[in-house]
PDB file of N, CA and C in Angstrom:
ATOM      1  N   MET A   1      22.184 -10.885   1.333  1.00  0.00           N
ATOM      2  CA  MET A   1      21.603 -12.556   1.281  1.00  0.00           C
ATOM      3  C   MET A   1      22.140 -13.034  -0.009  1.00  0.00           C
ATOM      4  N   ALA A   2      21.916 -12.626  -1.132  1.00  0.00           N
ATOM      5  CA  ALA A   2      22.590 -13.178  -2.512  1.00  0.00           C
ATOM      6  C   ALA A   2      23.960 -13.384  -2.523  1.00  0.00           C
ATOM      7  N   ALA A   3      24.725 -12.554  -1.652  1.00  0.00           N
ATOM      8  CA  ALA A   3      26.259 -12.642  -1.875  1.00  0.00           C
ATOM      9  C   ALA A   3      26.599 -13.486  -0.938  1.00  0.00           C
ATOM     10  N   ALA A   4      26.016 -13.989   0.286  1.00  0.00           N
ATOM     11  CA  ALA A   4      26.441 -14.882   0.965  1.00  0.00           C
ATOM     12  C   ALA A   4      26.032 -16.557   0.714  1.00  0.00           C
ATOM     13  N   SER A   5      25.354 -16.607  -0.517  1.00  0.00           N
ATOM     14  CA  SER A   5      24.870 -17.484  -1.231  1.00  0.00           C
ATOM     15  C   SER A   5      25.914 -18.460  -1.874  1.00  0.00           C
ATOM     16  N   ASN A   6      25.860 -19.636  -1.717  1.00  0.00           N
ATOM     17  CA  ASN A   6      27.022 -20.297  -2.768  1.00  0.00           C
ATOM     18  C   ASN A   6      26.214 -20.588  -4.027  1.00  0.00           C
ATOM     19  N   THR A   7      25.008 -20.576  -4.229  1.00  0.00           N
ATOM     20  CA  THR A   7      24.258 -21.238  -5.286  1.00  0.00           C
ATOM     21  C   THR A   7      24.016 -19.931  -6.314  1.00  0.00           C
ATOM     22  N   VAL A   8      24.403 -20.212  -7.429  1.00  0.00           N
ATOM     23  CA  VAL A   8      24.231 -19.314  -8.600  1.00  0.00           C
ATOM     24  C   VAL A   8      22.764 -18.943  -8.936  1.00  0.00           C
ATOM     25  N   HIS A   9      21.589 -20.177  -8.604  1.00  0.00           N
ATOM     26  CA  HIS A   9      20.323 -19.878  -8.838  1.00  0.00           C
ATOM     27  C   HIS A   9      19.876 -19.213  -7.680  1.00  0.00           C
ATOM     28  N   VAL A  10      20.325 -19.362  -6.481  1.00  0.00           N
ATOM     29  CA  VAL A  10      19.627 -18.284  -5.298  1.00  0.00           C
ATOM     30  C   VAL A  10      19.942 -16.842  -5.575  1.00  0.00           C
ATOM     31  N   GLU A  11      21.242 -16.875  -6.135  1.00  0.00           N
ATOM     32  CA  GLU A  11      21.647 -15.085  -6.216  1.00  0.00           C
ATOM     33  C   GLU A  11      21.014 -14.684  -7.248  1.00  0.00           C
ATOM     34  N   ASP A  12      20.701 -15.338  -8.318  1.00  0.00           N
ATOM     35  CA  ASP A  12      19.984 -14.734  -9.597  1.00  0.00           C
ATOM     36  C   ASP A  12      18.578 -14.563  -8.980  1.00  0.00           C
ATOM     37  N   ALA A  13      17.698 -15.510  -8.305  1.00  0.00           N
ATOM     38  CA  ALA A  13      16.583 -15.325  -7.799  1.00  0.00           C
ATOM     39  C   ALA A  13      16.474 -14.019  -6.729  1.00  0.00           C
ATOM     40  N   CYS A  14      17.299 -14.025  -5.886  1.00  0.00           N
ATOM     41  CA  CYS A  14      17.437 -13.012  -5.075  1.00  0.00           C
ATOM     42  C   CYS A  14      17.684 -11.431  -5.713  1.00  0.00           C
ATOM     43  N   ASP A  15      18.423 -11.536  -6.839  1.00  0.00           N
ATOM     44  CA  ASP A  15      18.574 -10.485  -7.585  1.00  0.00           C
ATOM     45  C   ASP A  15      17.292  -9.964  -8.127  1.00  0.00           C
ATOM     46  N   GLU A  16      16.548 -11.075  -8.831  1.00  0.00           N
ATOM     47  CA  GLU A  16      15.232 -10.649  -9.335  1.00  0.00           C
ATOM     48  C   GLU A  16      14.175 -10.214  -8.651  1.00  0.00           C
ATOM     49  N   ILE A  17      14.135 -10.775  -7.257  1.00  0.00           N
ATOM     50  CA  ILE A  17      13.139 -10.331  -6.079  1.00  0.00           C
ATOM     51  C   ILE A  17      13.505  -8.954  -5.903  1.00  0.00           C
ATOM     52  N   ALA A  18      14.892  -8.421  -5.798  1.00  0.00           N
ATOM     53  CA  ALA A  18      15.052  -7.280  -5.398  1.00  0.00           C
ATOM     54  C   ALA A  18      14.634  -6.099  -6.302  1.00  0.00           C
ATOM     55  N   LYS A  19      15.052  -6.764  -7.651  1.00  0.00           N
ATOM     56  CA  LYS A  19      14.739  -5.542  -8.942  1.00  0.00           C
ATOM     57  C   LYS A  19      13.304  -5.529  -8.745  1.00  0.00           C
ATOM     58  N   HIS A  20      12.522  -6.405  -8.849  1.00  0.00           N
ATOM     59  CA  HIS A  20      10.903  -6.669  -8.779  1.00  0.00           C
ATOM     60  C   HIS A  20      10.283  -5.608  -7.417  1.00  0.00           C
ATOM     61  N   ILE A  21      10.849  -5.925  -6.595  1.00  0.00           N
ATOM     62  CA  ILE A  21      10.341  -4.965  -5.545  1.00  0.00           C
ATOM     63  C   ILE A  21      10.749  -3.636  -5.533  1.00  0.00           C
ATOM     64  N   SER A  22      11.829  -3.334  -6.118  1.00  0.00           N
ATOM     65  CA  SER A  22      12.195  -1.959  -6.319  1.00  0.00           C
ATOM     66  C   SER A  22      11.235  -1.241  -7.434  1.00  0.00           C
ATOM     67  N   GLN A  23      10.870  -2.217  -8.304  1.00  0.00           N
ATOM     68  CA  GLN A  23       9.820  -1.637  -9.243  1.00  0.00           C
ATOM     69  C   GLN A  23       8.186  -1.510  -8.742  1.00  0.00           C
ATOM     70  N   GLY A  24       8.072  -1.609  -7.436  1.00  0.00           N
ATOM     71  CA  GLY A  24       7.305  -1.595  -6.769  1.00  0.00           C
ATOM     72  C   GLY A  24       6.176  -3.077  -6.864  1.00  0.00           C
ATOM     73  N   GLY A  25       6.751  -4.080  -7.215  1.00  0.00           N
ATOM     74  CA  GLY A  25       6.116  -5.561  -7.416  1.00  0.00           C
ATOM     75  C   GLY A  25       6.088  -6.169  -5.925  1.00  0.00           C
ATOM     76  N   GLU A  26       5.602  -7.417  -5.922  1.00  0.00           N
ATOM     77  CA  GLU A  26       5.574  -8.053  -4.576  1.00  0.00           C
ATOM     78  C   GLU A  26       6.125  -9.239  -4.942  1.00  0.00           C
ATOM     79  N   VAL A  27       6.864  -9.758  -3.811  1.00  0.00           N
ATOM     80  CA  VAL A  27       7.662 -10.938  -3.348  1.00  0.00           C
ATOM     81  C   VAL A  27       6.877 -12.381  -4.120  1.00  0.00           C
ATOM     82  N   SER A  28       5.743 -12.163  -3.818  1.00  0.00           N
ATOM     83  CA  SER A  28       5.129 -13.541  -4.310  1.00  0.00           C
ATOM     84  C   SER A  28       5.082 -13.473  -5.706  1.00  0.00           C
ATOM     85  N   GLU A  29       4.799 -12.659  -6.427  1.00  0.00           N
ATOM     86  CA  GLU A  29       4.626 -12.570  -7.865  1.00  0.00           C
ATOM     87  C   GLU A  29       6.167 -13.139  -8.364  1.00  0.00           C
ATOM     88  N   VAL A  30       7.272 -12.872  -7.858  1.00  0.00           N
ATOM     89  CA  VAL A  30       8.635 -13.297  -8.399  1.00  0.00           C
ATOM     90  C   VAL A  30       8.450 -14.691  -7.886  1.00  0.00           C
ATOM     91  N   LEU A  31       8.184 -15.373  -6.689  1.00  0.00           N
ATOM     92  CA  LEU A  31       8.394 -16.596  -6.285  1.00  0.00           C
ATOM     93  C   LEU A  31       7.253 -17.556  -7.218  1.00  0.00           C
ATOM     94  N   ALA A  32       5.983 -16.909  -7.779  1.00  0.00           N
ATOM     95  CA  ALA A  32       5.142 -17.618  -8.662  1.00  0.00           C
ATOM     96  C   ALA A  32       5.898 -17.957  -9.711  1.00  0.00           C
ATOM     97  N   ALA A  33       6.632 -17.005 -10.181  1.00  0.00           N
ATOM     98  CA  ALA A  33       6.873 -16.896 -11.721  1.00  0.00           C
ATOM     99  C   ALA A  33       8.512 -17.761 -11.726  1.00  0.00           C
ATOM    100  N   ASN A  34       9.158 -17.885 -10.662  1.00  0.00           N
ATOM    101  CA  ASN A  34      10.324 -18.514 -10.621  1.00  0.00           C
ATOM    102  C   ASN A  34      10.427 -19.949 -10.362  1.00  0.00           C
ATOM    103  N   ALA A  35      10.470 -20.699 -11.138  1.00  0.00           N
ATOM    104  CA  ALA A  35      10.512 -22.505 -10.957  1.00  0.00           C
ATOM    105  C   ALA A  35      11.641 -22.760  -9.649  1.00  0.00           C
ATOM    106  N   PHE A  36      12.447 -22.184  -9.416  1.00  0.00           N
ATOM    107  CA  PHE A  36      13.425 -22.471  -8.390  1.00  0.00           C
ATOM    108  C   PHE A  36      12.671 -22.595  -7.141  1.00  0.00           C
ATOM    109  N   PHE A  37      11.635 -21.699  -6.677  1.00  0.00           N
ATOM    110  CA  PHE A  37      11.085 -21.736  -5.585  1.00  0.00           C
ATOM    111  C   PHE A  37       9.732 -22.597  -5.540  1.00  0.00           C
ATOM    112  N   PRO A  38       9.859 -23.426  -4.371  1.00  0.00           N
ATOM    113  CA  PRO A  38       8.496 -24.398  -4.251  1.00  0.00           C
ATOM    114  C   PRO A  38       7.174 -23.676  -4.296  1.00  0.00           C
ATOM    115  N   PRO A  39       6.130 -24.083  -4.924  1.00  0.00           N
ATOM    116  CA  PRO A  39       4.658 -23.445  -4.514  1.00  0.00           C
ATOM    117  C   PRO A  39       4.570 -22.898  -3.229  1.00  0.00           C
ATOM    118  N   MET A  40       4.722 -23.813  -2.176  1.00  0.00           N
ATOM    119  CA  MET A  40       4.600 -23.202  -0.905  1.00  0.00           C
ATOM    120  C   MET A  40       5.090 -22.343  -0.252  1.00  0.00           C
ATOM    121  N   MET A  41       6.177 -21.792  -0.949  1.00  0.00           N
ATOM    122  CA  MET A  41       6.878 -20.757  -0.461  1.00  0.00           C
ATOM    123  C   MET A  41       6.109 -19.671  -0.790  1.00  0.00           C
ATOM    124  N   LYS A  42       5.421 -19.433  -2.187  1.00  0.00           N
ATOM    125  CA  LYS A  42       4.728 -18.480  -2.546  1.00  0.00           C
ATOM    126  C   LYS A  42       3.518 -17.987  -1.393  1.00  0.00           C
ATOM    127  N   HIS A  43       2.789 -19.323  -1.333  1.00  0.00           N
ATOM    128  CA  HIS A  43       1.821 -19.172  -0.341  1.00  0.00           C
ATOM    129  C   HIS A  43       2.091 -18.696   1.113  1.00  0.00           C
ATOM    130  N   MET A  44       3.390 -18.746   1.572  1.00  0.00           N
ATOM    131  CA  MET A  44       3.766 -18.493   2.962  1.00  0.00           C
ATOM    132  C   MET A  44       4.065 -16.984   2.806  1.00  0.00           C
ATOM    133  N   VAL A  45       4.652 -16.407   1.690  1.00  0.00           N
ATOM    134  CA  VAL A  45       4.996 -14.886   1.542  1.00  0.00           C
ATOM    135  C   VAL A  45       3.292 -14.322   1.156  1.00  0.00           C
ATOM    136  N   ASN A  46       2.499 -14.861   0.644  1.00  0.00           N
ATOM    137  CA  ASN A  46       1.129 -14.317   0.559  1.00  0.00           C
ATOM    138  C   ASN A  46       0.569 -14.151   1.966  1.00  0.00           C
ATOM    139  N   LEU A  47       0.615 -15.096   2.743  1.00  0.00           N
ATOM    140  CA  LEU A  47      -0.165 -15.028   4.181  1.00  0.00           C
ATOM    141  C   LEU A  47       0.825 -13.924   4.917  1.00  0.00           C
ATOM    142  N   THR A  48       1.985 -13.591   4.659  1.00  0.00           N
ATOM    143  CA  THR A  48       2.777 -12.397   5.656  1.00  0.00           C
ATOM    144  C   THR A  48       2.223 -11.243   4.742  1.00  0.00           C
ATOM    145  N   GLU A  49       2.237 -10.943   3.585  1.00  0.00           N
ATOM    146  CA  GLU A  49       1.675  -9.877   2.792  1.00  0.00           C
ATOM    147  C   GLU A  49       0.077  -9.519   3.191  1.00  0.00           C
ATOM    148  N   LEU A  50      -0.660 -10.487   3.388  1.00  0.00           N
ATOM    149  CA  LEU A  50      -2.013 -10.651   4.004  1.00  0.00           C
ATOM    150  C   LEU A  50      -2.058  -9.625   5.185  1.00  0.00           C
ATOM    151  N   TYR A  51      -1.295 -10.652   6.155  1.00  0.00           N
ATOM    152  CA  TYR A  51      -1.303 -10.013   7.395  1.00  0.00           C
ATOM    153  C   TYR A  51      -1.030  -8.470   7.675  1.00  0.00           C
ATOM    154  N   GLN A  52       0.189  -8.185   6.611  1.00  0.00           N
ATOM    155  CA  GLN A  52       0.551  -6.788   6.513  1.00  0.00           C
ATOM    156  C   GLN A  52      -0.494  -5.988   6.307  1.00  0.00           C
ATOM    157  N   VAL A  53      -1.278  -6.211   5.345  1.00  0.00           N
ATOM    158  CA  VAL A  53      -2.546  -5.461   4.812  1.00  0.00           C
ATOM    159  C   VAL A  53      -3.319  -5.357   5.927  1.00  0.00           C
ATOM    160  N   ILE A  54      -3.864  -6.432   6.484  1.00  0.00           N
ATOM    161  CA  ILE A  54      -4.818  -6.364   7.650  1.00  0.00           C
ATOM    162  C   ILE A  54      -4.376  -5.717   8.821  1.00  0.00           C
ATOM    163  N   SER A  55      -3.075  -5.756   9.030  1.00  0.00           N
ATOM    164  CA  SER A  55      -2.448  -5.066  10.274  1.00  0.00           C
ATOM    165  C   SER A  55      -2.641  -3.695   9.979  1.00  0.00           C
ATOM    166  N   LYS A  56      -2.412  -3.064   8.869  1.00  0.00           N
ATOM    167  CA  LYS A  56      -2.224  -1.629   8.436  1.00  0.00           C
ATOM    168  C   LYS A  56      -3.832  -1.303   8.200  1.00  0.00           C
ATOM    169  N   ILE A  57      -4.803  -2.087   7.862  1.00  0.00           N
ATOM    170  CA  ILE A  57      -6.265  -1.467   7.966  1.00  0.00           C
ATOM    171  C   ILE A  57      -6.592  -1.456   9.442  1.00  0.00           C
ATOM    172  N   ALA A  58      -6.351  -2.586  10.284  1.00  0.00           N
ATOM    173  CA  ALA A  58      -6.987  -2.205  11.693  1.00  0.00           C
ATOM    174  C   ALA A  58      -6.302  -1.225  12.681  1.00  0.00           C
ATOM    175  N   SER A  59      -5.064  -0.910  12.014  1.00  0.00           N
ATOM    176  CA  SER A  59      -4.324   0.414  12.753  1.00  0.00           C
ATOM    177  C   SER A  59      -4.904   1.641  12.279  1.00  0.00           C
ATOM    178  N   THR A  60      -5.476   1.770  10.970  1.00  0.00           N
ATOM    179  CA  THR A  60      -5.937   3.136  10.456  1.00  0.00           C
ATOM    180  C   THR A  60      -7.386   3.263  10.215  1.00  0.00           C
ATOM    181  N   THR A  61      -8.247   2.160  10.862  1.00  0.00           N
ATOM    182  CA  THR A  61      -9.775   2.339  10.565  1.00  0.00           C
ATOM    183  C   THR A  61     -10.172   2.839  11.798  1.00  0.00           C
ATOM    184  N   GLN A  62     -11.170   3.801  11.972  1.00  0.00           N
ATOM    185  CA  GLN A  62     -11.698   4.348  13.156  1.00  0.00           C
ATOM    186  C   GLN A  62     -12.844   3.604  13.584  1.00  0.00           C
ATOM    187  N   THR A  63     -13.357   2.400  12.955  1.00  0.00           N
ATOM    188  CA  THR A  63     -14.392   1.792  13.432  1.00  0.00           C
ATOM    189  C   THR A  63     -13.851   0.318  13.580  1.00  0.00           C
ATOM    190  N   ARG A  64     -14.522  -0.750  13.976  1.00  0.00           N
ATOM    191  CA  ARG A  64     -14.252  -1.967  14.252  1.00  0.00           C
ATOM    192  C   ARG A  64     -14.324  -2.848  12.833  1.00  0.00           C
ATOM    193  N   ILE A  65     -14.832  -2.115  11.764  1.00  0.00           N
ATOM    194  CA  ILE A  65     -15.185  -3.038  10.537  1.00  0.00           C
ATOM    195  C   ILE A  65     -14.509  -2.513   9.501  1.00  0.00           C
ATOM    196  N   GLY A  66     -13.652  -3.246   8.721  1.00  0.00           N
ATOM    197  CA  GLY A  66     -12.894  -3.185   7.711  1.00  0.00           C
ATOM    198  C   GLY A  66     -13.684  -3.426   6.423  1.00  0.00           C
ATOM    199  N   THR A  67     -13.359  -2.585   5.234  1.00  0.00           N
ATOM    200  CA  THR A  67     -14.091  -2.628   4.024  1.00  0.00           C
ATOM    201  C   THR A  67     -13.160  -2.833   2.907  1.00  0.00           C
ATOM    202  N   SER A  68     -13.822  -3.723   1.963  1.00  0.00           N
ATOM    203  CA  SER A  68     -12.853  -3.910   0.830  1.00  0.00           C
ATOM    204  C   SER A  68     -12.468  -2.700   0.452  1.00  0.00           C
ATOM    205  N   GLU A  69     -12.841  -1.589   0.551  1.00  0.00           N
ATOM    206  CA  GLU A  69     -12.537  -0.163   0.120  1.00  0.00           C
ATOM    207  C   GLU A  69     -11.234  -0.006   0.617  1.00  0.00           C
ATOM    208  N   GLN A  70     -10.873  -0.577   1.667  1.00  0.00           N
ATOM    209  CA  GLN A  70      -9.652  -0.176   2.482  1.00  0.00           C
ATOM    210  C   GLN A  70      -8.445  -1.050   2.050  1.00  0.00           C
ATOM    211  N   LEU A  71      -8.487  -2.049   0.934  1.00  0.00           N
ATOM    212  CA  LEU A  71      -7.704  -2.835   0.553  1.00  0.00           C
ATOM    213  C   LEU A  71      -7.004  -2.200  -0.392  1.00  0.00           C
ATOM    214  N   PRO A  72      -5.555  -2.512  -0.543  1.00  0.00           N
ATOM    215  CA  PRO A  72      -4.591  -1.792  -1.506  1.00  0.00           C
ATOM    216  C   PRO A  72      -5.550  -2.352  -2.980  1.00  0.00           C
ATOM    217  N   LEU A  73      -5.489  -1.171  -4.085  1.00  0.00           N
ATOM    218  CA  LEU A  73      -5.945  -1.459  -5.360  1.00  0.00           C
ATOM    219  C   LEU A  73      -5.784  -2.827  -6.003  1.00  0.00           C
ATOM    220  N   ARG A  74      -4.361  -2.906  -5.619  1.00  0.00           N
ATOM    221  CA  ARG A  74      -4.178  -4.364  -6.424  1.00  0.00           C
ATOM    222  C   ARG A  74      -4.627  -5.840  -5.732  1.00  0.00           C
ATOM    223  N   LEU A  75      -5.268  -5.469  -4.851  1.00  0.00           N
ATOM    224  CA  LEU A  75      -6.056  -6.744  -4.285  1.00  0.00           C
ATOM    225  C   LEU A  75      -7.513  -6.703  -4.165  1.00  0.00           C
ATOM    226  N   ARG A  76      -7.768  -5.590  -5.106  1.00  0.00           N
ATOM    227  CA  ARG A  76      -9.363  -5.567  -5.485  1.00  0.00           C
ATOM    228  C   ARG A  76      -9.767  -5.937  -6.918  1.00  0.00           C
ATOM    229  N   ASP A  77     -10.838  -6.383  -7.057  1.00  0.00           N
ATOM    230  CA  ASP A  77     -11.223  -6.730  -8.418  1.00  0.00           C
ATOM    231  C   ASP A  77     -11.130  -5.457  -9.333  1.00  0.00           C
ATOM    232  N   ILE A  78     -10.482  -5.523 -10.540  1.00  0.00           N
ATOM    233  CA  ILE A  78     -10.602  -3.944 -11.247  1.00  0.00           C
ATOM    234  C   ILE A  78     -11.867  -3.705 -11.445  1.00  0.00           C
ATOM    235  N   GLN A  79     -12.859  -4.171 -11.628  1.00  0.00           N
ATOM    236  CA  GLN A  79     -14.271  -3.648 -11.805  1.00  0.00           C
ATOM    237  C   GLN A  79     -14.693  -2.549 -10.218  1.00  0.00           C
ATOM    238  N   HIS A  80     -14.139  -2.942  -9.416  1.00  0.00           N
ATOM    239  CA  HIS A  80     -14.269  -2.328  -8.065  1.00  0.00           C
ATOM    240  C   HIS A  80     -13.260  -1.322  -7.738  1.00  0.00           C
ATOM    241  N   TRP A  81     -12.320  -0.887  -8.818  1.00  0.00           N
ATOM    242  CA  TRP A  81     -11.635   0.061  -8.584  1.00  0.00           C
ATOM    243  C   TRP A  81     -12.403   1.442  -8.552  1.00  0.00           C
ATOM    244  N   PRO A  82     -12.053   2.452  -7.601  1.00  0.00           N
ATOM    245  CA  PRO A  82     -12.663   3.890  -7.890  1.00  0.00           C
ATOM    246  C   PRO A  82     -12.417   4.481  -9.126  1.00  0.00           C
ATOM    247  N   LYS A  83     -13.273   5.536  -9.644  1.00  0.00           N
ATOM    248  CA  LYS A  83     -13.145   6.126 -10.639  1.00  0.00           C
ATOM    249  C   LYS A  83     -12.043   7.304 -10.096  1.00  0.00           C
ATOM    250  N   LEU A  84     -11.424   8.062 -11.361  1.00  0.00           N
ATOM    251  CA  LEU A  84     -10.429   8.954 -10.992  1.00  0.00           C
ATOM    252  C   LEU A  84     -10.754   9.944 -10.057  1.00  0.00           C
ATOM    253  N   ALA A  85     -12.007  10.697 -10.250  1.00  0.00           N
ATOM    254  CA  ALA A  85     -12.618  11.689  -9.393  1.00  0.00           C
ATOM    255  C   ALA A  85     -12.515  11.227  -7.881  1.00  0.00           C
ATOM    256  N   GLU A  86     -13.276   9.781  -7.776  1.00  0.00           N
ATOM    257  CA  GLU A  86     -13.148   9.358  -6.425  1.00  0.00           C
ATOM    258  C   GLU A  86     -12.112   9.312  -5.564  1.00  0.00           C
ATOM    259  N   TYR A  87     -11.237   8.600  -6.249  1.00  0.00           N
ATOM    260  CA  TYR A  87      -9.845   8.329  -5.910  1.00  0.00           C
ATOM    261  C   TYR A  87      -9.115   9.653  -5.385  1.00  0.00           C
ATOM    262  N   LEU A  88      -9.031  10.710  -6.437  1.00  0.00           N
ATOM    263  CA  LEU A  88      -8.448  11.971  -6.175  1.00  0.00           C
ATOM    264  C   LEU A  88      -9.269  12.562  -5.152  1.00  0.00           C
ATOM    265  N   ALA A  89     -10.493  12.265  -4.743  1.00  0.00           N
ATOM    266  CA  ALA A  89     -11.414  13.080  -3.842  1.00  0.00           C
ATOM    267  C   ALA A  89     -10.837  12.392  -2.487  1.00  0.00           C
ATOM    268  N   GLY A  90     -10.531  11.336  -2.426  1.00  0.00           N
ATOM    269  CA  GLY A  90     -10.156  10.685  -1.254  1.00  0.00           C
ATOM    270  C   GLY A  90      -8.691  10.948  -0.840  1.00  0.00           C
ATOM    271  N   GLN A  91      -7.826  11.140  -1.554  1.00  0.00           N
ATOM    272  CA  GLN A  91      -6.405  11.660  -1.619  1.00  0.00           C
ATOM    273  C   GLN A  91      -6.410  13.193  -0.942  1.00  0.00           C
ATOM    274  N   GLU A  92      -7.593  13.932  -1.668  1.00  0.00           N
ATOM    275  CA  GLU A  92      -7.497  15.120  -1.271  1.00  0.00           C
ATOM    276  C   GLU A  92      -7.825  15.250   0.292  1.00  0.00           C
ATOM    277  N   LYS A  93      -9.017  14.454   0.728  1.00  0.00           N
ATOM    278  CA  LYS A  93      -9.420  14.408   1.898  1.00  0.00           C
ATOM    279  C   LYS A  93      -8.269  13.942   2.953  1.00  0.00           C
ATOM    280  N   GLN A  94      -7.398  13.126   2.420  1.00  0.00           N
ATOM    281  CA  GLN A  94      -6.623  12.523   3.515  1.00  0.00           C
ATOM    282  C   GLN A  94      -5.401  13.642   3.792  1.00  0.00           C
ATOM    283  N   TYR A  95      -5.168  14.432   2.775  1.00  0.00           N
ATOM    284  CA  TYR A  95      -4.187  15.333   2.842  1.00  0.00           C
ATOM    285  C   TYR A  95      -4.813  16.485   3.735  1.00  0.00           C
ATOM    286  N   VAL A  96      -5.833  16.936   3.415  1.00  0.00           N
ATOM    287  CA  VAL A  96      -6.568  17.924   4.288  1.00  0.00           C
ATOM    288  C   VAL A  96      -6.441  17.622   5.947  1.00  0.00           C
ATOM    289  N   GLU A  97      -6.888  16.381   5.685  1.00  0.00           N
ATOM    290  CA  GLU A  97      -6.980  16.062   7.384  1.00  0.00           C
ATOM    291  C   GLU A  97      -5.553  15.706   8.047  1.00  0.00           C
ATOM    292  N   MET A  98      -4.651  15.468   7.108  1.00  0.00           N
ATOM    293  CA  MET A  98      -3.167  15.391   7.614  1.00  0.00           C
ATOM    294  C   MET A  98      -2.804  16.932   7.982  1.00  0.00           C
ATOM    295  N   VAL A  99      -2.874  18.100   7.271  1.00  0.00           N
ATOM    296  CA  VAL A  99      -2.627  19.396   7.362  1.00  0.00           C
ATOM    297  C   VAL A  99      -3.716  19.913   8.652  1.00  0.00           C
ATOM    298  N   LEU A 100      -4.628  19.801   8.627  1.00  0.00           N
ATOM    299  CA  LEU A 100      -5.589  19.852   9.927  1.00  0.00           C
ATOM    300  C   LEU A 100      -4.943  19.530  11.098  1.00  0.00           C
ATOM    301  N   ASN A 101      -4.443  18.187  10.983  1.00  0.00           N
ATOM    302  CA  ASN A 101      -3.860  17.795  12.212  1.00  0.00           C
ATOM    303  C   ASN A 101      -2.587  18.577  12.464  1.00  0.00           C
ATOM    304  N   ALA A 102      -2.002  18.650  11.472  1.00  0.00           N
ATOM    305  CA  ALA A 102      -0.693  19.420  11.847  1.00  0.00           C
ATOM    306  C   ALA A 102      -0.826  20.798  12.336  1.00  0.00           C
ATOM    307  N   CYS A 103      -1.939  21.520  11.557  1.00  0.00           N
ATOM    308  CA  CYS A 103      -2.434  22.730  12.553  1.00  0.00           C
ATOM    309  C   CYS A 103      -3.100  22.745  13.476  1.00  0.00           C
ATOM    310  N   ARG A 104      -3.181  21.809  14.461  1.00  0.00           N
ATOM    311  CA  ARG A 104      -3.893  21.679  15.683  1.00  0.00           C
ATOM    312  C   ARG A 104      -5.234  21.725  15.517  1.00  0.00           C
ATOM    313  N   GLY A 105      -5.886  21.437  14.405  1.00  0.00           N
ATOM    314  CA  GLY A 105      -7.360  22.037  14.270  1.00  0.00           C
ATOM    315  C   GLY A 105      -7.914  23.075  13.972  1.00  0.00           C
ATOM    316  N   ASP A 106      -7.159  24.046  13.579  1.00  0.00           N
ATOM    317  CA  ASP A 106      -7.139  25.383  13.179  1.00  0.00           C
ATOM    318  C   ASP A 106      -7.527  25.549  11.780  1.00  0.00           C
ATOM    319  N   LYS A 107      -8.676  25.725  11.478  1.00  0.00           N
ATOM    320  CA  LYS A 107      -9.214  25.640  10.138  1.00  0.00           C
ATOM    321  C   LYS A 107      -8.625  26.642   9.456  1.00  0.00           C
ATOM    322  N   ALA A 108      -8.324  28.032   9.884  1.00  0.00           N
ATOM    323  CA  ALA A 108      -8.115  29.181   9.095  1.00  0.00           C
ATOM    324  C   ALA A 108      -6.658  28.986   8.748  1.00  0.00           C
ATOM    325  N   ARG A 109      -5.868  28.455   9.599  1.00  0.00           N
ATOM    326  CA  ARG A 109      -4.355  28.145   9.248  1.00  0.00           C
ATOM    327  C   ARG A 109      -4.320  27.037   8.377  1.00  0.00           C
ATOM    328  N   THR A 110      -5.325  26.170   8.635  1.00  0.00           N
ATOM    329  CA  THR A 110      -5.087  24.935   7.442  1.00  0.00           C
ATOM    330  C   THR A 110      -5.479  25.337   6.018  1.00  0.00           C
ATOM    331  N   ALA A 111      -6.527  26.151   6.058  1.00  0.00           N
ATOM    332  CA  ALA A 111      -6.839  26.745   4.758  1.00  0.00           C
ATOM    333  C   ALA A 111      -5.765  27.892   4.058  1.00  0.00           C
ATOM    334  N   ALA A 112      -5.177  28.407   5.074  1.00  0.00           N
ATOM    335  CA  ALA A 112      -3.842  29.303   4.620  1.00  0.00           C
ATOM    336  C   ALA A 112      -2.799  28.541   4.041  1.00  0.00           C
ATOM    337  N   VAL A 113      -2.458  27.385   4.563  1.00  0.00           N
ATOM    338  CA  VAL A 113      -1.481  26.531   4.176  1.00  0.00           C
ATOM    339  C   VAL A 113      -1.809  25.772   2.786  1.00  0.00           C
ATOM    340  N   LEU A 114      -3.084  25.440   2.860  1.00  0.00           N
ATOM    341  CA  LEU A 114      -3.758  24.636   1.576  1.00  0.00           C
ATOM    342  C   LEU A 114      -3.830  25.678   0.517  1.00  0.00           C
ATOM    343  N   GLY A 115      -3.996  26.918   0.976  1.00  0.00           N
ATOM    344  CA  GLY A 115      -4.375  28.010  -0.312  1.00  0.00           C
ATOM    345  C   GLY A 115      -6.031  27.858  -0.955  1.00  0.00           C
ATOM    346  N   VAL A 116      -6.732  27.306   0.190  1.00  0.00           N
ATOM    347  CA  VAL A 116      -8.167  27.582  -0.064  1.00  0.00           C
ATOM    348  C   VAL A 116      -9.207  28.054   0.768  1.00  0.00           C
ATOM    349  N   PRO A 117     -10.143  28.705   0.283  1.00  0.00           N
ATOM    350  CA  PRO A 117     -11.207  29.222   1.251  1.00  0.00           C
ATOM    351  C   PRO A 117     -11.438  28.424   2.586  1.00  0.00           C
ATOM    352  N   VAL A 118     -11.505  29.093   3.549  1.00  0.00           N
ATOM    353  CA  VAL A 118     -11.955  28.030   5.035  1.00  0.00           C
ATOM    354  C   VAL A 118     -13.315  27.502   4.625  1.00  0.00           C
ATOM    355  N   GLU A 119     -14.352  28.010   3.886  1.00  0.00           N
ATOM    356  CA  GLU A 119     -15.732  27.332   3.476  1.00  0.00           C
ATOM    357  C   GLU A 119     -15.173  26.015   2.980  1.00  0.00           C
ATOM    358  N   ARG A 120     -14.343  25.606   2.360  1.00  0.00           N
ATOM    359  CA  ARG A 120     -13.951  24.651   1.682  1.00  0.00           C
ATOM    360  C   ARG A 120     -13.479  23.319   2.463  1.00  0.00           C
ATOM    361  N   LEU A 121     -13.295  23.785   3.719  1.00  0.00           N
ATOM    362  CA  LEU A 121     -12.661  22.712   4.533  1.00  0.00           C
ATOM    363  C   LEU A 121     -13.921  22.055   5.467  1.00  0.00           C
ATOM    364  N   GLY A 122     -15.412  22.690   5.248  1.00  0.00           N
ATOM    365  CA  GLY A 122     -16.505  22.354   6.052  1.00  0.00           C
ATOM    366  C   GLY A 122     -16.500  22.570   7.651  1.00  0.00           C
TER     367      GLY A 122
END
């Protein structure tokens, strides 16, 4: 996109956006900080990002109710971020479920893959 542009400002902005995204940032952050883009564009991108977050929550939740805990950490108030032990326990649970699914529900095989006693799987 940047190469096809005739405007140096657009090329620079596109390069800045690409660099920011490659470092884990959001498009809307660059748009908000760059005076070249009108404020409305930032809001349009925020809505797209919000739609993507909500779609992901809806597709991964097992109930019809989504909670704030399902939001990406960057969208939560820092005071509501989980403690390290809580976060790691959640990651461990997801990984165990993934391995258990790959082992087609066979807990003995799952325990062997994970290198843990079967009793730990519950």
